[in-house]
Amino acid sequence: MRPLEPDILEHLKPTCDGEPIHFVGLGIYDFQVGYSSVRRIQTMAKVVCSLQGQTFAWEEGPSNMPVWLLVGQTPSSFELTSPYALRMNLASGDWVEFYCDDSPYEALIIDFGIKD
């Protein structure tokens, strides 16, 4: 996996169109969210999020992260907090950071679905 390129922000910017998160999946091996025209942002490495002033983390396995608090929240912007971390800022002030890692396997997938 390569580090994230800054141009990913240009692809994600138009997806912050006021549509809320409609899907959240938390499993043993992955974490994913879907909203607007983004079918899913999926990581198999790590997620850190701030929800209602508390910080939670997931790294393969059980987590006490209250993921249901993400459903209905609206993505407002994205930023790269490091070459391996993509932060989704939410209109509420909460945020979710998706991590990838330096390995030969894909650890972060952004699925924009089929484009016309």
PDB file of N, CA and C in Angstrom:
ATOM      1  N   MET A   1       0.839  -1.183   0.000  1.00  0.00           N
ATOM      2  CA  MET A   1       0.000   0.000   0.000  1.00  0.00           C
ATOM      3  C   MET A   1       0.875   1.234   0.000  1.00  0.00           C
ATOM      4  N   ARG A   2       0.581   2.119  -0.877  1.00  0.00           N
ATOM      5  CA  ARG A   2       1.296   3.395  -0.926  1.00  0.00           C
ATOM      6  C   ARG A   2       0.667   4.360   0.063  1.00  0.00           C
ATOM      7  N   PRO A   3       1.433   5.369   0.451  1.00  0.00           N
ATOM      8  CA  PRO A   3       0.837   6.440   1.258  1.00  0.00           C
ATOM      9  C   PRO A   3      -0.279   7.123   0.458  1.00  0.00           C
ATOM     10  N   LEU A   4      -1.181   7.761   1.146  1.00  0.00           N
ATOM     11  CA  LEU A   4      -2.273   8.474   0.486  1.00  0.00           C
ATOM     12  C   LEU A   4      -1.738   9.697  -0.248  1.00  0.00           C
ATOM     13  N   GLU A   5      -2.251   9.932  -1.436  1.00  0.00           N
ATOM     14  CA  GLU A   5      -1.868  11.087  -2.241  1.00  0.00           C
ATOM     15  C   GLU A   5      -2.825  12.240  -1.947  1.00  0.00           C
ATOM     16  N   PRO A   6      -2.326  13.467  -1.890  1.00  0.00           N
ATOM     17  CA  PRO A   6      -3.197  14.623  -1.608  1.00  0.00           C
ATOM     18  C   PRO A   6      -4.348  14.798  -2.600  1.00  0.00           C
ATOM     19  N   ASP A   7      -4.206  14.295  -3.831  1.00  0.00           N
ATOM     20  CA  ASP A   7      -5.279  14.480  -4.807  1.00  0.00           C
ATOM     21  C   ASP A   7      -6.546  13.705  -4.457  1.00  0.00           C
ATOM     22  N   ILE A   8      -6.485  12.766  -3.512  1.00  0.00           N
ATOM     23  CA  ILE A   8      -7.701  12.066  -3.086  1.00  0.00           C
ATOM     24  C   ILE A   8      -8.698  13.048  -2.494  1.00  0.00           C
ATOM     25  N   LEU A   9      -8.195  14.123  -1.903  1.00  0.00           N
ATOM     26  CA  LEU A   9      -9.083  15.127  -1.310  1.00  0.00           C
ATOM     27  C   LEU A   9      -9.944  15.798  -2.371  1.00  0.00           C
ATOM     28  N   GLU A  10      -9.387  16.006  -3.566  1.00  0.00           N
ATOM     29  CA  GLU A  10     -10.152  16.608  -4.659  1.00  0.00           C
ATOM     30  C   GLU A  10     -11.270  15.687  -5.132  1.00  0.00           C
ATOM     31  N   HIS A  11     -11.055  14.385  -5.066  1.00  0.00           N
ATOM     32  CA  HIS A  11     -12.094  13.423  -5.447  1.00  0.00           C
ATOM     33  C   HIS A  11     -13.187  13.336  -4.381  1.00  0.00           C
ATOM     34  N   LEU A  12     -12.810  13.499  -3.117  1.00  0.00           N
ATOM     35  CA  LEU A  12     -13.773  13.385  -2.028  1.00  0.00           C
ATOM     36  C   LEU A  12     -14.555  14.675  -1.767  1.00  0.00           C
ATOM     37  N   LYS A  13     -13.986  15.815  -2.108  1.00  0.00           N
ATOM     38  CA  LYS A  13     -14.631  17.109  -1.833  1.00  0.00           C
ATOM     39  C   LYS A  13     -16.060  17.184  -2.391  1.00  0.00           C
ATOM     40  N   PRO A  14     -16.298  16.806  -3.648  1.00  0.00           N
ATOM     41  CA  PRO A  14     -17.667  16.900  -4.176  1.00  0.00           C
ATOM     42  C   PRO A  14     -18.658  15.948  -3.504  1.00  0.00           C
ATOM     43  N   THR A  15     -18.170  14.944  -2.806  1.00  0.00           N
ATOM     44  CA  THR A  15     -19.077  14.001  -2.148  1.00  0.00           C
ATOM     45  C   THR A  15     -19.639  14.556  -0.844  1.00  0.00           C
ATOM     46  N   CYS A  16     -19.098  15.657  -0.366  1.00  0.00           N
ATOM     47  CA  CYS A  16     -19.620  16.327   0.839  1.00  0.00           C
ATOM     48  C   CYS A  16     -20.750  17.234   0.392  1.00  0.00           C
ATOM     49  N   ASP A  17     -21.857  16.612   0.018  1.00  0.00           N
ATOM     50  CA  ASP A  17     -22.969  17.321  -0.614  1.00  0.00           C
ATOM     51  C   ASP A  17     -24.202  17.424   0.276  1.00  0.00           C
ATOM     52  N   GLY A  18     -24.027  17.220   1.570  1.00  0.00           N
ATOM     53  CA  GLY A  18     -25.148  17.324   2.496  1.00  0.00           C
ATOM     54  C   GLY A  18     -25.876  16.018   2.742  1.00  0.00           C
ATOM     55  N   GLU A  19     -25.470  14.960   2.038  1.00  0.00           N
ATOM     56  CA  GLU A  19     -26.094  13.650   2.247  1.00  0.00           C
ATOM     57  C   GLU A  19     -25.479  12.980   3.472  1.00  0.00           C
ATOM     58  N   PRO A  20     -26.301  12.412   4.343  1.00  0.00           N
ATOM     59  CA  PRO A  20     -25.783  11.802   5.570  1.00  0.00           C
ATOM     60  C   PRO A  20     -25.214  10.397   5.349  1.00  0.00           C
ATOM     61  N   ILE A  21     -24.470   9.949   6.328  1.00  0.00           N
ATOM     62  CA  ILE A  21     -23.986   8.565   6.351  1.00  0.00           C
ATOM     63  C   ILE A  21     -25.202   7.658   6.490  1.00  0.00           C
ATOM     64  N   HIS A  22     -25.336   6.692   5.578  1.00  0.00           N
ATOM     65  CA  HIS A  22     -26.470   5.781   5.620  1.00  0.00           C
ATOM     66  C   HIS A  22     -26.068   4.345   5.948  1.00  0.00           C
ATOM     67  N   PHE A  23     -24.766   4.098   5.995  1.00  0.00           N
ATOM     68  CA  PHE A  23     -24.295   2.738   6.256  1.00  0.00           C
ATOM     69  C   PHE A  23     -23.022   2.786   7.080  1.00  0.00           C
ATOM     70  N   VAL A  24     -22.968   1.976   8.118  1.00  0.00           N
ATOM     71  CA  VAL A  24     -21.750   1.793   8.917  1.00  0.00           C
ATOM     72  C   VAL A  24     -21.609   0.302   9.159  1.00  0.00           C
ATOM     73  N   GLY A  25     -20.433  -0.229   8.900  1.00  0.00           N
ATOM     74  CA  GLY A  25     -20.162  -1.638   9.168  1.00  0.00           C
ATOM     75  C   GLY A  25     -18.913  -1.784  10.009  1.00  0.00           C
ATOM     76  N   LEU A  26     -19.032  -2.518  11.085  1.00  0.00           N
ATOM     77  CA  LEU A  26     -17.890  -2.790  11.958  1.00  0.00           C
ATOM     78  C   LEU A  26     -17.807  -4.291  12.122  1.00  0.00           C
ATOM     79  N   GLY A  27     -16.720  -4.871  11.643  1.00  0.00           N
ATOM     80  CA  GLY A  27     -16.534  -6.308  11.738  1.00  0.00           C
ATOM     81  C   GLY A  27     -15.214  -6.635  12.398  1.00  0.00           C
ATOM     82  N   ILE A  28     -14.895  -7.896  12.388  1.00  0.00           N
ATOM     83  CA  ILE A  28     -13.628  -8.330  12.976  1.00  0.00           C
ATOM     84  C   ILE A  28     -12.460  -7.826  12.147  1.00  0.00           C
ATOM     85  N   TYR A  29     -12.628  -7.813  10.818  1.00  0.00           N
ATOM     86  CA  TYR A  29     -11.501  -7.503   9.939  1.00  0.00           C
ATOM     87  C   TYR A  29     -11.602  -6.180   9.205  1.00  0.00           C
ATOM     88  N   ASP A  30     -12.731  -5.463   9.339  1.00  0.00           N
ATOM     89  CA  ASP A  30     -12.828  -4.195   8.629  1.00  0.00           C
ATOM     90  C   ASP A  30     -13.837  -3.267   9.286  1.00  0.00           C
ATOM     91  N   PHE A  31     -13.719  -1.995   8.896  1.00  0.00           N
ATOM     92  CA  PHE A  31     -14.640  -0.945   9.309  1.00  0.00           C
ATOM     93  C   PHE A  31     -14.974  -0.176   8.047  1.00  0.00           C
ATOM     94  N   GLN A  32     -16.264   0.147   7.842  1.00  0.00           N
ATOM     95  CA  GLN A  32     -16.623   0.875   6.633  1.00  0.00           C
ATOM     96  C   GLN A  32     -17.835   1.767   6.853  1.00  0.00           C
ATOM     97  N   VAL A  33     -17.889   2.826   6.062  1.00  0.00           N
ATOM     98  CA  VAL A  33     -19.035   3.738   6.049  1.00  0.00           C
ATOM     99  C   VAL A  33     -19.411   4.017   4.599  1.00  0.00           C
ATOM    100  N   GLY A  34     -20.685   4.317   4.384  1.00  0.00           N
ATOM    101  CA  GLY A  34     -21.173   4.702   3.068  1.00  0.00           C
ATOM    102  C   GLY A  34     -22.061   5.926   3.189  1.00  0.00           C
ATOM    103  N   TYR A  35     -21.990   6.822   2.216  1.00  0.00           N
ATOM    104  CA  TYR A  35     -22.793   8.041   2.204  1.00  0.00           C
ATOM    105  C   TYR A  35     -22.797   8.590   0.789  1.00  0.00           C
ATOM    106  N   SER A  36     -23.793   9.363   0.457  1.00  0.00           N
ATOM    107  CA  SER A  36     -23.877  10.059  -0.816  1.00  0.00           C
ATOM    108  C   SER A  36     -23.438   9.160  -1.974  1.00  0.00           C
ATOM    109  N   SER A  37     -22.515   9.647  -2.798  1.00  0.00           N
ATOM    110  CA  SER A  37     -22.046   8.872  -3.948  1.00  0.00           C
ATOM    111  C   SER A  37     -20.873   7.960  -3.608  1.00  0.00           C
ATOM    112  N   VAL A  38     -20.477   7.913  -2.359  1.00  0.00           N
ATOM    113  CA  VAL A  38     -19.401   7.020  -1.933  1.00  0.00           C
ATOM    114  C   VAL A  38     -20.041   5.739  -1.404  1.00  0.00           C
ATOM    115  N   ARG A  39     -19.883   4.675  -2.166  1.00  0.00           N
ATOM    116  CA  ARG A  39     -20.475   3.405  -1.769  1.00  0.00           C
ATOM    117  C   ARG A  39     -19.894   2.935  -0.437  1.00  0.00           C
ATOM    118  N   ARG A  40     -18.559   3.100  -0.296  1.00  0.00           N
ATOM    119  CA  ARG A  40     -17.930   2.734   0.971  1.00  0.00           C
ATOM    120  C   ARG A  40     -16.528   3.308   1.058  1.00  0.00           C
ATOM    121  N   ILE A  41     -16.156   3.655   2.271  1.00  0.00           N
ATOM    122  CA  ILE A  41     -14.765   3.871   2.633  1.00  0.00           C
ATOM    123  C   ILE A  41     -14.486   2.755   3.631  1.00  0.00           C
ATOM    124  N   GLN A  42     -13.554   1.916   3.300  1.00  0.00           N
ATOM    125  CA  GLN A  42     -13.297   0.709   4.083  1.00  0.00           C
ATOM    126  C   GLN A  42     -11.826   0.635   4.461  1.00  0.00           C
ATOM    127  N   THR A  43     -11.575   0.337   5.717  1.00  0.00           N
ATOM    128  CA  THR A  43     -10.205   0.112   6.154  1.00  0.00           C
ATOM    129  C   THR A  43     -10.101  -1.231   6.844  1.00  0.00           C
ATOM    130  N   MET A  44      -8.980  -1.875   6.623  1.00  0.00           N
ATOM    131  CA  MET A  44      -8.686  -3.128   7.304  1.00  0.00           C
ATOM    132  C   MET A  44      -7.542  -2.931   8.289  1.00  0.00           C
ATOM    133  N   ALA A  45      -7.109  -1.694   8.473  1.00  0.00           N
ATOM    134  CA  ALA A  45      -5.961  -1.413   9.338  1.00  0.00           C
ATOM    135  C   ALA A  45      -6.394  -0.866  10.698  1.00  0.00           C
ATOM    136  N   LYS A  46      -6.988   0.333  10.687  1.00  0.00           N
ATOM    137  CA  LYS A  46      -7.281   1.008  11.958  1.00  0.00           C
ATOM    138  C   LYS A  46      -8.239   2.154  11.707  1.00  0.00           C
ATOM    139  N   VAL A  47      -9.084   2.436  12.699  1.00  0.00           N
ATOM    140  CA  VAL A  47      -9.959   3.607  12.700  1.00  0.00           C
ATOM    141  C   VAL A  47      -9.873   4.252  14.069  1.00  0.00           C
ATOM    142  N   VAL A  48      -9.780   5.571  14.079  1.00  0.00           N
ATOM    143  CA  VAL A  48      -9.881   6.343  15.315  1.00  0.00           C
ATOM    144  C   VAL A  48     -10.961   7.379  15.057  1.00  0.00           C
ATOM    145  N   CYS A  49     -11.857   7.565  16.017  1.00  0.00           N
ATOM    146  CA  CYS A  49     -12.894   8.572  15.820  1.00  0.00           C
ATOM    147  C   CYS A  49     -13.180   9.311  17.114  1.00  0.00           C
ATOM    148  N   SER A  50     -13.693  10.498  16.935  1.00  0.00           N
ATOM    149  CA  SER A  50     -14.146  11.319  18.054  1.00  0.00           C
ATOM    150  C   SER A  50     -15.646  11.461  17.897  1.00  0.00           C
ATOM    151  N   LEU A  51     -16.378  10.929  18.883  1.00  0.00           N
ATOM    152  CA  LEU A  51     -17.834  10.982  18.873  1.00  0.00           C
ATOM    153  C   LEU A  51     -18.316  11.557  20.188  1.00  0.00           C
ATOM    154  N   GLN A  52     -19.032  12.649  20.108  1.00  0.00           N
ATOM    155  CA  GLN A  52     -19.576  13.321  21.282  1.00  0.00           C
ATOM    156  C   GLN A  52     -18.503  13.584  22.336  1.00  0.00           C
ATOM    157  N   GLY A  53     -17.324  14.004  21.872  1.00  0.00           N
ATOM    158  CA  GLY A  53     -16.242  14.388  22.775  1.00  0.00           C
ATOM    159  C   GLY A  53     -15.397  13.238  23.313  1.00  0.00           C
ATOM    160  N   GLN A  54     -15.702  12.014  22.935  1.00  0.00           N
ATOM    161  CA  GLN A  54     -14.903  10.864  23.366  1.00  0.00           C
ATOM    162  C   GLN A  54     -14.178  10.268  22.173  1.00  0.00           C
ATOM    163  N   THR A  55     -12.967   9.756  22.411  1.00  0.00           N
ATOM    164  CA  THR A  55     -12.179   9.138  21.354  1.00  0.00           C
ATOM    165  C   THR A  55     -12.268   7.623  21.472  1.00  0.00           C
ATOM    166  N   PHE A  56     -12.478   6.989  20.323  1.00  0.00           N
ATOM    167  CA  PHE A  56     -12.588   5.537  20.237  1.00  0.00           C
ATOM    168  C   PHE A  56     -11.645   5.045  19.150  1.00  0.00           C
ATOM    169  N   ALA A  57     -11.226   3.797  19.248  1.00  0.00           N
ATOM    170  CA  ALA A  57     -10.344   3.215  18.234  1.00  0.00           C
ATOM    171  C   ALA A  57     -10.785   1.790  17.929  1.00  0.00           C
ATOM    172  N   TRP A  58     -10.513   1.380  16.705  1.00  0.00           N
ATOM    173  CA  TRP A  58     -10.734   0.000  16.278  1.00  0.00           C
ATOM    174  C   TRP A  58      -9.485  -0.475  15.550  1.00  0.00           C
ATOM    175  N   GLU A  59      -9.005  -1.650  15.916  1.00  0.00           N
ATOM    176  CA  GLU A  59      -7.900  -2.312  15.217  1.00  0.00           C
ATOM    177  C   GLU A  59      -8.159  -3.809  15.265  1.00  0.00           C
ATOM    178  N   GLU A  60      -8.842  -4.324  14.264  1.00  0.00           N
ATOM    179  CA  GLU A  60      -9.154  -5.751  14.159  1.00  0.00           C
ATOM    180  C   GLU A  60      -9.628  -6.367  15.469  1.00  0.00           C
ATOM    181  N   GLY A  61     -10.894  -6.581  15.554  1.00  0.00           N
ATOM    182  CA  GLY A  61     -11.439  -7.257  16.717  1.00  0.00           C
ATOM    183  C   GLY A  61     -12.539  -6.461  17.378  1.00  0.00           C
ATOM    184  N   PRO A  62     -12.951  -6.891  18.544  1.00  0.00           N
ATOM    185  CA  PRO A  62     -14.032  -6.207  19.264  1.00  0.00           C
ATOM    186  C   PRO A  62     -13.662  -4.764  19.599  1.00  0.00           C
ATOM    187  N   SER A  63     -14.691  -3.922  19.639  1.00  0.00           N
ATOM    188  CA  SER A  63     -14.480  -2.511  19.943  1.00  0.00           C
ATOM    189  C   SER A  63     -15.701  -1.980  20.682  1.00  0.00           C
ATOM    190  N   ASN A  64     -15.471  -1.027  21.550  1.00  0.00           N
ATOM    191  CA  ASN A  64     -16.579  -0.384  22.247  1.00  0.00           C
ATOM    192  C   ASN A  64     -17.052   0.875  21.514  1.00  0.00           C
ATOM    193  N   MET A  65     -16.639   1.051  20.278  1.00  0.00           N
ATOM    194  CA  MET A  65     -17.002   2.225  19.494  1.00  0.00           C
ATOM    195  C   MET A  65     -18.510   2.232  19.221  1.00  0.00           C
ATOM    196  N   PRO A  66     -19.227   3.287  19.609  1.00  0.00           N
ATOM    197  CA  PRO A  66     -20.671   3.359  19.352  1.00  0.00           C
ATOM    198  C   PRO A  66     -20.951   3.805  17.911  1.00  0.00           C
ATOM    199  N   VAL A  67     -20.754   2.890  16.983  1.00  0.00           N
ATOM    200  CA  VAL A  67     -20.837   3.224  15.552  1.00  0.00           C
ATOM    201  C   VAL A  67     -22.210   3.734  15.139  1.00  0.00           C
ATOM    202  N   TRP A  68     -23.259   3.388  15.874  1.00  0.00           N
ATOM    203  CA  TRP A  68     -24.594   3.855  15.531  1.00  0.00           C
ATOM    204  C   TRP A  68     -24.696   5.379  15.593  1.00  0.00           C
ATOM    205  N   LEU A  69     -23.778   6.026  16.329  1.00  0.00           N
ATOM    206  CA  LEU A  69     -23.783   7.486  16.399  1.00  0.00           C
ATOM    207  C   LEU A  69     -23.343   8.135  15.082  1.00  0.00           C
ATOM    208  N   LEU A  70     -22.749   7.351  14.189  1.00  0.00           N
ATOM    209  CA  LEU A  70     -22.325   7.881  12.888  1.00  0.00           C
ATOM    210  C   LEU A  70     -23.480   7.935  11.887  1.00  0.00           C
ATOM    211  N   VAL A  71     -24.434   7.022  12.009  1.00  0.00           N
ATOM    212  CA  VAL A  71     -25.549   6.974  11.066  1.00  0.00           C
ATOM    213  C   VAL A  71     -26.349   8.269  11.167  1.00  0.00           C
ATOM    214  N   GLY A  72     -26.553   8.911  10.033  1.00  0.00           N
ATOM    215  CA  GLY A  72     -27.287  10.167   9.974  1.00  0.00           C
ATOM    216  C   GLY A  72     -26.407  11.409  10.068  1.00  0.00           C
ATOM    217  N   GLN A  73     -25.142  11.234  10.442  1.00  0.00           N
ATOM    218  CA  GLN A  73     -24.232  12.389  10.476  1.00  0.00           C
ATOM    219  C   GLN A  73     -23.808  12.738   9.045  1.00  0.00           C
ATOM    220  N   THR A  74     -23.462  13.995   8.845  1.00  0.00           N
ATOM    221  CA  THR A  74     -23.142  14.490   7.501  1.00  0.00           C
ATOM    222  C   THR A  74     -21.665  14.815   7.369  1.00  0.00           C
ATOM    223  N   PRO A  75     -20.973  14.167   6.422  1.00  0.00           N
ATOM    224  CA  PRO A  75     -19.575  14.527   6.154  1.00  0.00           C
ATOM    225  C   PRO A  75     -19.493  15.960   5.631  1.00  0.00           C
ATOM    226  N   SER A  76     -18.569  16.741   6.199  1.00  0.00           N
ATOM    227  CA  SER A  76     -18.431  18.135   5.771  1.00  0.00           C
ATOM    228  C   SER A  76     -17.122  18.406   5.027  1.00  0.00           C
ATOM    229  N   SER A  77     -16.076  17.634   5.318  1.00  0.00           N
ATOM    230  CA  SER A  77     -14.801  17.816   4.618  1.00  0.00           C
ATOM    231  C   SER A  77     -13.889  16.636   4.935  1.00  0.00           C
ATOM    232  N   PHE A  78     -12.787  16.585   4.196  1.00  0.00           N
ATOM    233  CA  PHE A  78     -11.758  15.567   4.411  1.00  0.00           C
ATOM    234  C   PHE A  78     -10.408  16.247   4.515  1.00  0.00           C
ATOM    235  N   GLU A  79      -9.491  15.622   5.232  1.00  0.00           N
ATOM    236  CA  GLU A  79      -8.112  16.103   5.294  1.00  0.00           C
ATOM    237  C   GLU A  79      -7.186  14.912   5.527  1.00  0.00           C
ATOM    238  N   LEU A  80      -5.941  15.074   5.109  1.00  0.00           N
ATOM    239  CA  LEU A  80      -4.922  14.071   5.406  1.00  0.00           C
ATOM    240  C   LEU A  80      -4.193  14.531   6.658  1.00  0.00           C
ATOM    241  N   THR A  81      -4.282  13.753   7.724  1.00  0.00           N
ATOM    242  CA  THR A  81      -3.587  14.110   8.960  1.00  0.00           C
ATOM    243  C   THR A  81      -2.190  13.523   8.986  1.00  0.00           C
ATOM    244  N   SER A  82      -1.928  12.593   8.077  1.00  0.00           N
ATOM    245  CA  SER A  82      -0.593  12.032   7.849  1.00  0.00           C
ATOM    246  C   SER A  82      -0.658  11.342   6.489  1.00  0.00           C
ATOM    247  N   PRO A  83       0.471  10.880   5.954  1.00  0.00           N
ATOM    248  CA  PRO A  83       0.415  10.162   4.680  1.00  0.00           C
ATOM    249  C   PRO A  83      -0.368   8.848   4.761  1.00  0.00           C
ATOM    250  N   TYR A  84      -0.667   8.393   5.976  1.00  0.00           N
ATOM    251  CA  TYR A  84      -1.381   7.132   6.162  1.00  0.00           C
ATOM    252  C   TYR A  84      -2.703   7.293   6.894  1.00  0.00           C
ATOM    253  N   ALA A  85      -3.213   8.511   7.024  1.00  0.00           N
ATOM    254  CA  ALA A  85      -4.476   8.742   7.738  1.00  0.00           C
ATOM    255  C   ALA A  85      -5.338   9.764   7.008  1.00  0.00           C
ATOM    256  N   LEU A  86      -6.570   9.361   6.713  1.00  0.00           N
ATOM    257  CA  LEU A  86      -7.555  10.206   6.052  1.00  0.00           C
ATOM    258  C   LEU A  86      -8.655  10.517   7.061  1.00  0.00           C
ATOM    259  N   ARG A  87      -8.854  11.798   7.355  1.00  0.00           N
ATOM    260  CA  ARG A  87      -9.870  12.198   8.328  1.00  0.00           C
ATOM    261  C   ARG A  87     -11.114  12.714   7.613  1.00  0.00           C
ATOM    262  N   MET A  88     -12.255  12.149   7.999  1.00  0.00           N
ATOM    263  CA  MET A  88     -13.558  12.622   7.550  1.00  0.00           C
ATOM    264  C   MET A  88     -14.118  13.502   8.671  1.00  0.00           C
ATOM    265  N   ASN A  89     -14.261  14.793   8.408  1.00  0.00           N
ATOM    266  CA  ASN A  89     -14.850  15.713   9.381  1.00  0.00           C
ATOM    267  C   ASN A  89     -16.362  15.708   9.184  1.00  0.00           C
ATOM    268  N   LEU A  90     -17.093  15.719  10.280  1.00  0.00           N
ATOM    269  CA  LEU A  90     -18.541  15.683  10.228  1.00  0.00           C
ATOM    270  C   LEU A  90     -19.109  17.029  10.662  1.00  0.00           C
ATOM    271  N   ALA A  91     -20.281  17.375  10.161  1.00  0.00           N
ATOM    272  CA  ALA A  91     -20.888  18.667  10.447  1.00  0.00           C
ATOM    273  C   ALA A  91     -21.106  18.886  11.942  1.00  0.00           C
ATOM    274  N   SER A  92     -21.234  17.827  12.708  1.00  0.00           N
ATOM    275  CA  SER A  92     -21.465  17.918  14.152  1.00  0.00           C
ATOM    276  C   SER A  92     -20.213  18.306  14.931  1.00  0.00           C
ATOM    277  N   GLY A  93     -19.052  18.242  14.271  1.00  0.00           N
ATOM    278  CA  GLY A  93     -17.776  18.455  14.960  1.00  0.00           C
ATOM    279  C   GLY A  93     -17.077  17.137  15.273  1.00  0.00           C
ATOM    280  N   ASP A  94     -17.788  16.026  15.137  1.00  0.00           N
ATOM    281  CA  ASP A  94     -17.161  14.709  15.285  1.00  0.00           C
ATOM    282  C   ASP A  94     -16.289  14.442  14.062  1.00  0.00           C
ATOM    283  N   TRP A  95     -15.455  13.411  14.119  1.00  0.00           N
ATOM    284  CA  TRP A  95     -14.626  13.038  12.977  1.00  0.00           C
ATOM    285  C   TRP A  95     -14.286  11.548  13.048  1.00  0.00           C
ATOM    286  N   VAL A  96     -13.891  11.021  11.891  1.00  0.00           N
ATOM    287  CA  VAL A  96     -13.471   9.622  11.763  1.00  0.00           C
ATOM    288  C   VAL A  96     -12.173   9.617  10.973  1.00  0.00           C
ATOM    289  N   GLU A  97     -11.144   8.939  11.475  1.00  0.00           N
ATOM    290  CA  GLU A  97      -9.872   8.808  10.766  1.00  0.00           C
ATOM    291  C   GLU A  97      -9.686   7.371  10.321  1.00  0.00           C
ATOM    292  N   PHE A  98      -9.507   7.210   9.011  1.00  0.00           N
ATOM    293  CA  PHE A  98      -9.279   5.910   8.394  1.00  0.00           C
ATOM    294  C   PHE A  98      -7.785   5.774   8.128  1.00  0.00           C
ATOM    295  N   TYR A  99      -7.195   4.680   8.567  1.00  0.00           N
ATOM    296  CA  TYR A  99      -5.753   4.476   8.407  1.00  0.00           C
ATOM    297  C   TYR A  99      -5.465   3.401   7.373  1.00  0.00           C
ATOM    298  N   CYS A 100      -4.390   3.590   6.660  1.00  0.00           N
ATOM    299  CA  CYS A 100      -3.827   2.541   5.827  1.00  0.00           C
ATOM    300  C   CYS A 100      -2.431   2.265   6.384  1.00  0.00           C
ATOM    301  N   ASP A 101      -1.771   1.261   5.875  1.00  0.00           N
ATOM    302  CA  ASP A 101      -0.427   0.967   6.370  1.00  0.00           C
ATOM    303  C   ASP A 101       0.497   0.681   5.202  1.00  0.00           C
ATOM    304  N   ASP A 102       1.748   0.606   5.479  1.00  0.00           N
ATOM    305  CA  ASP A 102       2.761   0.370   4.461  1.00  0.00           C
ATOM    306  C   ASP A 102       2.968  -1.131   4.338  1.00  0.00           C
ATOM    307  N   SER A 103       2.198  -1.747   3.444  1.00  0.00           N
ATOM    308  CA  SER A 103       2.285  -3.192   3.244  1.00  0.00           C
ATOM    309  C   SER A 103       1.920  -3.497   1.796  1.00  0.00           C
ATOM    310  N   PRO A 104       2.126  -4.723   1.355  1.00  0.00           N
ATOM    311  CA  PRO A 104       1.801  -5.054  -0.032  1.00  0.00           C
ATOM    312  C   PRO A 104       0.297  -5.271  -0.257  1.00  0.00           C
ATOM    313  N   TYR A 105      -0.522  -5.167   0.779  1.00  0.00           N
ATOM    314  CA  TYR A 105      -1.953  -5.426   0.662  1.00  0.00           C
ATOM    315  C   TYR A 105      -2.739  -4.133   0.816  1.00  0.00           C
ATOM    316  N   GLU A 106      -3.886  -4.073   0.168  1.00  0.00           N
ATOM    317  CA  GLU A 106      -4.746  -2.899   0.280  1.00  0.00           C
ATOM    318  C   GLU A 106      -5.316  -2.835   1.693  1.00  0.00           C
ATOM    319  N   ALA A 107      -5.153  -1.718   2.354  1.00  0.00           N
ATOM    320  CA  ALA A 107      -5.674  -1.547   3.708  1.00  0.00           C
ATOM    321  C   ALA A 107      -6.750  -0.472   3.767  1.00  0.00           C
ATOM    322  N   LEU A 108      -6.895   0.318   2.692  1.00  0.00           N
ATOM    323  CA  LEU A 108      -7.913   1.360   2.640  1.00  0.00           C
ATOM    324  C   LEU A 108      -8.505   1.372   1.237  1.00  0.00           C
ATOM    325  N   ILE A 109      -9.828   1.231   1.166  1.00  0.00           N
ATOM    326  CA  ILE A 109     -10.523   1.220  -0.112  1.00  0.00           C
ATOM    327  C   ILE A 109     -11.561   2.326  -0.100  1.00  0.00           C
ATOM    328  N   ILE A 110     -11.565   3.145  -1.148  1.00  0.00           N
ATOM    329  CA  ILE A 110     -12.603   4.153  -1.331  1.00  0.00           C
ATOM    330  C   ILE A 110     -13.332   3.791  -2.610  1.00  0.00           C
ATOM    331  N   ASP A 111     -14.582   3.387  -2.481  1.00  0.00           N
ATOM    332  CA  ASP A 111     -15.386   2.893  -3.600  1.00  0.00           C
ATOM    333  C   ASP A 111     -16.394   3.974  -3.983  1.00  0.00           C
ATOM    334  N   PHE A 112     -16.159   4.598  -5.136  1.00  0.00           N
ATOM    335  CA  PHE A 112     -17.058   5.637  -5.626  1.00  0.00           C
ATOM    336  C   PHE A 112     -18.208   5.067  -6.450  1.00  0.00           C
ATOM    337  N   GLY A 113     -18.266   3.753  -6.567  1.00  0.00           N
ATOM    338  CA  GLY A 113     -19.318   3.123  -7.366  1.00  0.00           C
ATOM    339  C   GLY A 113     -19.054   3.342  -8.846  1.00  0.00           C
ATOM    340  N   ILE A 114     -20.070   3.147  -9.624  1.00  0.00           N
ATOM    341  CA  ILE A 114     -19.966   3.291 -11.079  1.00  0.00           C
ATOM    342  C   ILE A 114     -20.272   4.727 -11.451  1.00  0.00           C
ATOM    343  N   LYS A 115     -19.366   5.333 -12.183  1.00  0.00           N
ATOM    344  CA  LYS A 115     -19.533   6.711 -12.647  1.00  0.00           C
ATOM    345  C   LYS A 115     -20.160   6.696 -14.049  1.00  0.00           C
ATOM    346  N   ASP A 116     -21.021   7.674 -14.324  1.00  0.00           N
ATOM    347  CA  ASP A 116     -21.624   7.790 -15.660  1.00  0.00           C
ATOM    348  C   ASP A 116     -20.640   8.377 -16.632  1.00  0.00           C
TER     349      ASP A 116
END
